[in-house]
Amino acid sequence: MRRIILSKRAAKKLNKLLKCLESEWSHNTKKQFVEKFDKSVMQIQKFPNSCPQTELVEGLHMLVITKQTSLLYRFDTESIKIVTIFDNRMDPAKLQKET
């Protein structure tokens, strides 16, 4: 099974998102998101081609975690690198700078 690598950018964004969920919503909301995130990561570990490629960069795939949050990743035969995590309402021009 491919190993998962979280980029520094993705790790920072995930941390920030989890803190926000807990402070603005609740511990339960944070827990539900973590469960969805884990399930999503397991999906791309098993089936890395299951998500569509983006038009931003060749070889970059997008996975929708919730209606508000998605992640971008790329993979090879040994690993899957989560490049960034983002709010789906974000300006695509800003997102392109992160890839």
N, C-alpha and C. Protein backbone atom coordinates (compact mmCIF):
# COMPACT_ATOMS: atom_id res chain seq x y z
N MET A 1 0.85 -1.18 0.00
CA MET A 1 0.00 0.00 0.00
C MET A 1 0.89 1.24 0.00
N ARG A 2 0.49 2.25 -0.74
CA ARG A 2 1.27 3.48 -0.82
C ARG A 2 1.25 4.22 0.52
N ARG A 3 2.39 4.81 0.86
CA ARG A 3 2.43 5.59 2.10
C ARG A 3 1.89 6.99 1.82
N ILE A 4 1.31 7.60 2.83
CA ILE A 4 0.74 8.94 2.72
C ILE A 4 1.76 9.96 3.23
N ILE A 5 1.99 10.99 2.44
CA ILE A 5 2.88 12.08 2.82
C ILE A 5 2.05 13.36 2.82
N LEU A 6 2.10 14.07 3.92
CA LEU A 6 1.39 15.34 4.05
C LEU A 6 2.42 16.45 3.88
N SER A 7 2.23 17.31 2.89
CA SER A 7 3.16 18.42 2.70
C SER A 7 3.08 19.36 3.90
N LYS A 8 4.09 20.19 4.07
CA LYS A 8 4.08 21.16 5.17
C LYS A 8 2.85 22.06 5.07
N ARG A 9 2.54 22.50 3.86
CA ARG A 9 1.37 23.37 3.64
C ARG A 9 0.09 22.65 4.05
N ALA A 10 -0.06 21.41 3.62
CA ALA A 10 -1.27 20.64 3.95
C ALA A 10 -1.38 20.40 5.45
N ALA A 11 -0.26 20.11 6.10
CA ALA A 11 -0.27 19.88 7.56
C ALA A 11 -0.69 21.14 8.30
N LYS A 12 -0.17 22.30 7.88
CA LYS A 12 -0.54 23.56 8.53
C LYS A 12 -2.02 23.86 8.33
N LYS A 13 -2.50 23.66 7.11
CA LYS A 13 -3.91 23.94 6.82
C LYS A 13 -4.84 22.99 7.58
N LEU A 14 -4.45 21.73 7.67
CA LEU A 14 -5.25 20.76 8.41
C LEU A 14 -5.31 21.13 9.89
N ASN A 15 -4.17 21.48 10.46
CA ASN A 15 -4.14 21.91 11.87
C ASN A 15 -5.04 23.12 12.10
N LYS A 16 -4.92 24.10 11.22
CA LYS A 16 -5.72 25.32 11.35
C LYS A 16 -7.22 24.99 11.23
N LEU A 17 -7.56 24.13 10.29
CA LEU A 17 -8.95 23.74 10.11
C LEU A 17 -9.50 23.01 11.33
N LEU A 18 -8.72 22.09 11.89
CA LEU A 18 -9.18 21.35 13.06
C LEU A 18 -9.37 22.26 14.27
N LYS A 19 -8.46 23.20 14.47
CA LYS A 19 -8.61 24.17 15.56
C LYS A 19 -9.86 25.01 15.37
N CYS A 20 -10.09 25.44 14.13
CA CYS A 20 -11.27 26.25 13.83
C CYS A 20 -12.56 25.46 14.07
N LEU A 21 -12.60 24.22 13.62
CA LEU A 21 -13.80 23.40 13.82
C LEU A 21 -14.13 23.24 15.30
N GLU A 22 -13.10 23.02 16.10
CA GLU A 22 -13.34 22.82 17.53
C GLU A 22 -13.75 24.12 18.22
N SER A 23 -13.08 25.22 17.88
CA SER A 23 -13.39 26.48 18.57
C SER A 23 -14.68 27.13 18.08
N GLU A 24 -14.95 27.03 16.78
CA GLU A 24 -16.14 27.68 16.21
C GLU A 24 -17.39 26.79 16.26
N TRP A 25 -17.19 25.48 16.23
CA TRP A 25 -18.31 24.56 16.20
C TRP A 25 -18.33 23.69 17.45
N SER A 26 -17.65 22.55 17.42
CA SER A 26 -17.63 21.69 18.60
C SER A 26 -16.59 20.59 18.42
N HIS A 27 -16.30 19.94 19.53
CA HIS A 27 -15.38 18.80 19.47
C HIS A 27 -15.97 17.69 18.60
N ASN A 28 -17.28 17.51 18.68
CA ASN A 28 -17.94 16.48 17.89
C ASN A 28 -17.83 16.77 16.39
N THR A 29 -17.97 18.02 15.99
CA THR A 29 -17.83 18.40 14.59
C THR A 29 -16.42 18.12 14.10
N LYS A 30 -15.44 18.43 14.94
CA LYS A 30 -14.04 18.14 14.61
C LYS A 30 -13.85 16.63 14.43
N LYS A 31 -14.40 15.87 15.35
CA LYS A 31 -14.26 14.40 15.30
C LYS A 31 -14.89 13.85 14.02
N GLN A 32 -16.05 14.35 13.64
CA GLN A 32 -16.71 13.90 12.42
C GLN A 32 -15.86 14.22 11.19
N PHE A 33 -15.25 15.40 11.18
CA PHE A 33 -14.39 15.75 10.05
C PHE A 33 -13.18 14.82 9.98
N VAL A 34 -12.56 14.55 11.12
CA VAL A 34 -11.39 13.66 11.15
C VAL A 34 -11.77 12.28 10.60
N GLU A 35 -12.94 11.79 10.95
CA GLU A 35 -13.40 10.50 10.44
C GLU A 35 -13.55 10.53 8.92
N LYS A 36 -14.13 11.62 8.39
CA LYS A 36 -14.29 11.76 6.94
C LYS A 36 -12.94 11.90 6.26
N PHE A 37 -12.03 12.65 6.88
CA PHE A 37 -10.69 12.82 6.32
C PHE A 37 -9.98 11.47 6.25
N ASP A 38 -10.02 10.71 7.35
CA ASP A 38 -9.37 9.40 7.38
C ASP A 38 -9.95 8.46 6.33
N LYS A 39 -11.26 8.46 6.20
CA LYS A 39 -11.93 7.62 5.20
C LYS A 39 -11.50 8.03 3.79
N SER A 40 -11.38 9.32 3.55
CA SER A 40 -10.96 9.83 2.24
C SER A 40 -9.53 9.41 1.92
N VAL A 41 -8.65 9.50 2.91
CA VAL A 41 -7.26 9.11 2.71
C VAL A 41 -7.17 7.61 2.42
N MET A 42 -7.96 6.82 3.13
CA MET A 42 -7.97 5.37 2.88
C MET A 42 -8.45 5.07 1.46
N GLN A 43 -9.42 5.85 0.98
CA GLN A 43 -9.93 5.67 -0.38
C GLN A 43 -8.82 5.89 -1.41
N ILE A 44 -8.09 6.99 -1.28
CA ILE A 44 -7.05 7.26 -2.28
C ILE A 44 -5.84 6.34 -2.11
N GLN A 45 -5.66 5.80 -0.92
CA GLN A 45 -4.59 4.81 -0.74
C GLN A 45 -4.90 3.55 -1.54
N LYS A 46 -6.15 3.14 -1.51
CA LYS A 46 -6.56 1.93 -2.22
C LYS A 46 -6.76 2.18 -3.71
N PHE A 47 -7.33 3.32 -4.03
CA PHE A 47 -7.69 3.64 -5.42
C PHE A 47 -7.22 5.06 -5.78
N PRO A 48 -5.95 5.27 -5.98
CA PRO A 48 -5.44 6.63 -6.22
C PRO A 48 -5.98 7.29 -7.49
N ASN A 49 -6.40 6.50 -8.46
CA ASN A 49 -6.97 7.08 -9.68
C ASN A 49 -8.47 7.33 -9.59
N SER A 50 -9.07 7.11 -8.43
CA SER A 50 -10.52 7.23 -8.30
C SER A 50 -11.01 8.67 -8.34
N CYS A 51 -10.13 9.62 -8.15
CA CYS A 51 -10.51 11.04 -8.16
C CYS A 51 -10.03 11.69 -9.44
N PRO A 52 -10.80 12.65 -9.94
CA PRO A 52 -10.43 13.28 -11.20
C PRO A 52 -9.17 14.14 -11.09
N GLN A 53 -8.45 14.23 -12.20
CA GLN A 53 -7.31 15.14 -12.26
C GLN A 53 -7.84 16.56 -12.40
N THR A 54 -7.13 17.50 -11.81
CA THR A 54 -7.52 18.90 -11.93
C THR A 54 -6.97 19.47 -13.22
N GLU A 55 -7.47 20.63 -13.58
CA GLU A 55 -6.95 21.34 -14.74
C GLU A 55 -5.80 22.25 -14.35
N LEU A 56 -5.52 22.35 -13.05
CA LEU A 56 -4.48 23.24 -12.56
C LEU A 56 -3.09 22.77 -12.97
N VAL A 57 -2.79 21.52 -12.66
CA VAL A 57 -1.48 20.94 -12.91
C VAL A 57 -1.67 19.49 -13.33
N GLU A 58 -0.98 19.07 -14.36
CA GLU A 58 -1.09 17.68 -14.80
C GLU A 58 -0.62 16.73 -13.69
N GLY A 59 -1.38 15.67 -13.48
CA GLY A 59 -1.02 14.69 -12.46
C GLY A 59 -1.51 15.02 -11.07
N LEU A 60 -2.20 16.14 -10.91
CA LEU A 60 -2.73 16.55 -9.61
C LEU A 60 -4.21 16.16 -9.55
N HIS A 61 -4.59 15.42 -8.52
CA HIS A 61 -5.96 14.94 -8.37
C HIS A 61 -6.65 15.69 -7.23
N MET A 62 -7.99 15.80 -7.34
CA MET A 62 -8.76 16.48 -6.30
C MET A 62 -9.76 15.51 -5.69
N LEU A 63 -9.80 15.51 -4.35
CA LEU A 63 -10.74 14.69 -3.60
C LEU A 63 -11.59 15.60 -2.72
N VAL A 64 -12.90 15.53 -2.86
CA VAL A 64 -13.82 16.30 -2.03
C VAL A 64 -14.04 15.52 -0.74
N ILE A 65 -13.70 16.15 0.39
CA ILE A 65 -13.87 15.51 1.70
C ILE A 65 -15.27 15.81 2.23
N THR A 66 -15.63 17.10 2.23
CA THR A 66 -16.96 17.56 2.59
C THR A 66 -17.35 18.60 1.55
N LYS A 67 -18.57 19.10 1.61
CA LYS A 67 -18.95 20.10 0.60
C LYS A 67 -18.15 21.39 0.76
N GLN A 68 -17.54 21.61 1.92
CA GLN A 68 -16.73 22.80 2.14
C GLN A 68 -15.24 22.59 1.91
N THR A 69 -14.77 21.35 1.98
CA THR A 69 -13.33 21.09 2.02
C THR A 69 -12.91 20.00 1.03
N SER A 70 -11.80 20.26 0.34
CA SER A 70 -11.21 19.28 -0.58
C SER A 70 -9.71 19.23 -0.35
N LEU A 71 -9.10 18.24 -0.97
CA LEU A 71 -7.64 18.16 -0.94
C LEU A 71 -7.13 17.86 -2.33
N LEU A 72 -5.90 18.28 -2.58
CA LEU A 72 -5.21 18.00 -3.83
C LEU A 72 -4.06 17.06 -3.52
N TYR A 73 -3.86 16.07 -4.38
CA TYR A 73 -2.79 15.10 -4.16
C TYR A 73 -2.21 14.64 -5.49
N ARG A 74 -1.01 14.11 -5.40
CA ARG A 74 -0.38 13.43 -6.54
C ARG A 74 0.20 12.13 -6.01
N PHE A 75 0.43 11.19 -6.89
CA PHE A 75 0.93 9.90 -6.43
C PHE A 75 1.88 9.28 -7.43
N ASP A 76 2.68 8.34 -6.92
CA ASP A 76 3.53 7.50 -7.76
C ASP A 76 3.37 6.07 -7.24
N THR A 77 4.24 5.20 -7.62
CA THR A 77 4.08 3.79 -7.25
C THR A 77 4.30 3.53 -5.76
N GLU A 78 4.98 4.44 -5.07
CA GLU A 78 5.30 4.22 -3.66
C GLU A 78 4.54 5.09 -2.67
N SER A 79 4.11 6.28 -3.10
CA SER A 79 3.51 7.20 -2.14
C SER A 79 2.42 8.07 -2.75
N ILE A 80 1.65 8.66 -1.85
CA ILE A 80 0.63 9.64 -2.21
C ILE A 80 0.97 10.89 -1.40
N LYS A 81 1.18 12.00 -2.10
CA LYS A 81 1.51 13.24 -1.42
C LYS A 81 0.30 14.16 -1.45
N ILE A 82 -0.20 14.51 -0.26
CA ILE A 82 -1.28 15.47 -0.15
C ILE A 82 -0.63 16.85 -0.21
N VAL A 83 -0.91 17.57 -1.29
CA VAL A 83 -0.25 18.84 -1.57
C VAL A 83 -0.85 19.97 -0.74
N THR A 84 -2.19 20.04 -0.72
CA THR A 84 -2.86 21.08 0.05
C THR A 84 -4.29 20.66 0.37
N ILE A 85 -4.84 21.33 1.35
CA ILE A 85 -6.23 21.18 1.76
C ILE A 85 -6.83 22.57 1.63
N PHE A 86 -8.03 22.66 1.07
CA PHE A 86 -8.57 24.00 0.82
C PHE A 86 -10.09 24.05 0.96
N ASP A 87 -10.56 25.28 1.16
CA ASP A 87 -11.98 25.58 1.22
C ASP A 87 -12.50 25.64 -0.21
N ASN A 88 -13.55 24.93 -0.52
CA ASN A 88 -14.08 24.88 -1.88
C ASN A 88 -14.60 26.22 -2.38
N ARG A 89 -14.80 27.17 -1.49
CA ARG A 89 -15.26 28.49 -1.90
C ARG A 89 -14.11 29.42 -2.24
N MET A 90 -12.90 28.90 -2.14
CA MET A 90 -11.68 29.68 -2.39
C MET A 90 -11.56 30.06 -3.87
N ASP A 91 -10.98 31.21 -4.13
CA ASP A 91 -10.72 31.68 -5.48
C ASP A 91 -9.72 30.73 -6.16
N PRO A 92 -10.09 30.14 -7.29
CA PRO A 92 -9.19 29.19 -7.97
C PRO A 92 -7.81 29.78 -8.31
N ALA A 93 -7.73 31.08 -8.54
CA ALA A 93 -6.44 31.71 -8.84
C ALA A 93 -5.50 31.60 -7.63
N LYS A 94 -6.04 31.76 -6.43
CA LYS A 94 -5.23 31.62 -5.22
C LYS A 94 -4.82 30.17 -5.02
N LEU A 95 -5.70 29.26 -5.34
CA LEU A 95 -5.40 27.84 -5.20
C LEU A 95 -4.27 27.43 -6.13
N GLN A 96 -4.24 27.97 -7.32
CA GLN A 96 -3.21 27.60 -8.28
C GLN A 96 -1.81 27.96 -7.77
N LYS A 97 -1.71 29.02 -6.97
CA LYS A 97 -0.43 29.42 -6.40
C LYS A 97 0.09 28.39 -5.40
N GLU A 98 -0.80 27.57 -4.83
CA GLU A 98 -0.42 26.60 -3.81
C GLU A 98 0.04 25.27 -4.39
N THR A 99 -0.11 25.06 -5.67
CA THR A 99 0.23 23.76 -6.25
C THR A 99 1.63 23.70 -6.79
